[in-house]
Amino acid sequence: MKINFDGRRELKDIYQVGNVIKDYTNTLYLIVGNVEDGYAMVNLTNNNVTEKVSTLEELADTYGEDEDVLVNAEINVF
């Protein structure tokens, strides 16, 4: 996996499905979900999943911190 850290952005902009986020503890999270089932975050460090919420805005409000950074992660499968 290749990881590049992107510059700081607004929480509402980085909390989008498919984005990978690094928090202040250096833990990586993948944003997952859809409108019908809700949204959650997968902890890529320990494979835990947060509780589902109804909207991406609610996800950012519940779990977002000012120190969160968008990560440009590239997964290569051989």
Protein backbone atom coordinates (compact mmCIF):
# COMPACT_ATOMS: atom_id res chain seq x y z
CA MET A 1 0.00 0.00 0.00
CA LYS A 2 1.28 3.45 -0.89
CA ILE A 3 0.12 6.27 1.39
CA ASN A 4 0.47 10.02 0.82
CA PHE A 5 -0.97 12.51 3.28
CA ASP A 6 -3.02 15.29 1.71
CA GLY A 7 -3.31 18.82 3.05
CA ARG A 8 -5.88 19.73 5.69
CA ARG A 9 -9.45 20.25 4.50
CA GLU A 10 -12.89 20.85 5.98
CA LEU A 11 -14.36 17.79 7.73
CA LYS A 12 -17.41 17.80 5.45
CA ASP A 13 -15.08 17.55 2.44
CA ILE A 14 -12.99 14.63 3.69
CA TYR A 15 -15.82 12.54 5.17
CA GLN A 16 -16.91 11.04 1.84
CA VAL A 17 -17.44 7.38 0.88
CA GLY A 18 -14.19 5.77 -0.21
CA ASN A 19 -11.91 8.29 1.50
CA VAL A 20 -9.21 7.21 3.94
CA ILE A 21 -8.67 9.45 6.96
CA LYS A 22 -5.84 9.58 9.51
CA ASP A 23 -6.75 10.82 12.99
CA TYR A 24 -4.56 12.36 15.70
CA THR A 25 -3.57 8.88 16.96
CA ASN A 26 -2.27 7.98 13.47
CA THR A 27 -5.10 5.47 13.02
CA LEU A 28 -6.41 5.05 9.47
CA TYR A 29 -10.15 4.85 8.73
CA LEU A 30 -12.02 4.05 5.51
CA ILE A 31 -15.42 5.74 5.02
CA VAL A 32 -18.02 3.21 3.83
CA GLY A 33 -21.75 3.02 3.25
CA ASN A 34 -24.64 4.18 1.14
CA VAL A 35 -27.93 6.04 1.48
CA GLU A 36 -30.07 2.96 2.20
CA ASP A 37 -27.86 1.31 4.83
CA GLY A 38 -26.17 4.31 6.42
CA TYR A 39 -22.51 5.24 6.79
CA ALA A 40 -19.69 4.01 8.99
CA MET A 41 -15.91 3.99 9.30
CA VAL A 42 -13.70 0.90 9.09
CA ASN A 43 -10.63 1.11 11.32
CA LEU A 44 -7.84 -0.14 9.06
CA THR A 45 -5.53 -0.64 12.04
CA ASN A 46 -7.63 -3.17 13.96
CA ASN A 47 -10.48 -4.01 11.52
CA ASN A 48 -13.26 -2.63 13.74
CA VAL A 49 -16.30 -0.84 12.32
CA THR A 50 -18.02 2.14 13.96
CA GLU A 51 -21.78 2.27 14.46
CA LYS A 52 -23.77 3.25 11.38
CA VAL A 53 -25.24 6.72 11.09
CA SER A 54 -27.81 8.11 8.65
CA THR A 55 -25.76 10.75 6.82
CA LEU A 56 -22.16 11.65 6.06
CA GLU A 57 -22.66 14.91 7.94
CA GLU A 58 -23.68 12.96 11.04
CA LEU A 59 -20.60 10.75 10.61
CA ALA A 60 -18.33 13.81 10.48
CA ASP A 61 -20.11 15.39 13.47
CA THR A 62 -19.88 12.19 15.52
CA TYR A 63 -16.33 11.04 14.74
CA GLY A 64 -14.59 13.99 13.10
CA GLU A 65 -11.79 15.90 14.81
CA ASP A 66 -9.99 19.04 13.69
CA GLU A 67 -6.74 17.06 13.42
CA ASP A 68 -8.16 14.58 10.85
CA VAL A 69 -6.26 14.45 7.55
CA LEU A 70 -7.32 13.05 4.18
CA VAL A 71 -4.98 10.27 3.04
CA ASN A 72 -4.24 9.45 -0.56
CA ALA A 73 -3.99 5.65 -0.26
CA GLU A 74 -3.33 3.37 -3.20
CA ILE A 75 -3.80 -0.38 -2.84
CA ASN A 76 -1.95 -2.54 -5.34
CA VAL A 77 -2.98 -6.18 -5.70
CA PHE A 78 -0.61 -8.49 -7.51
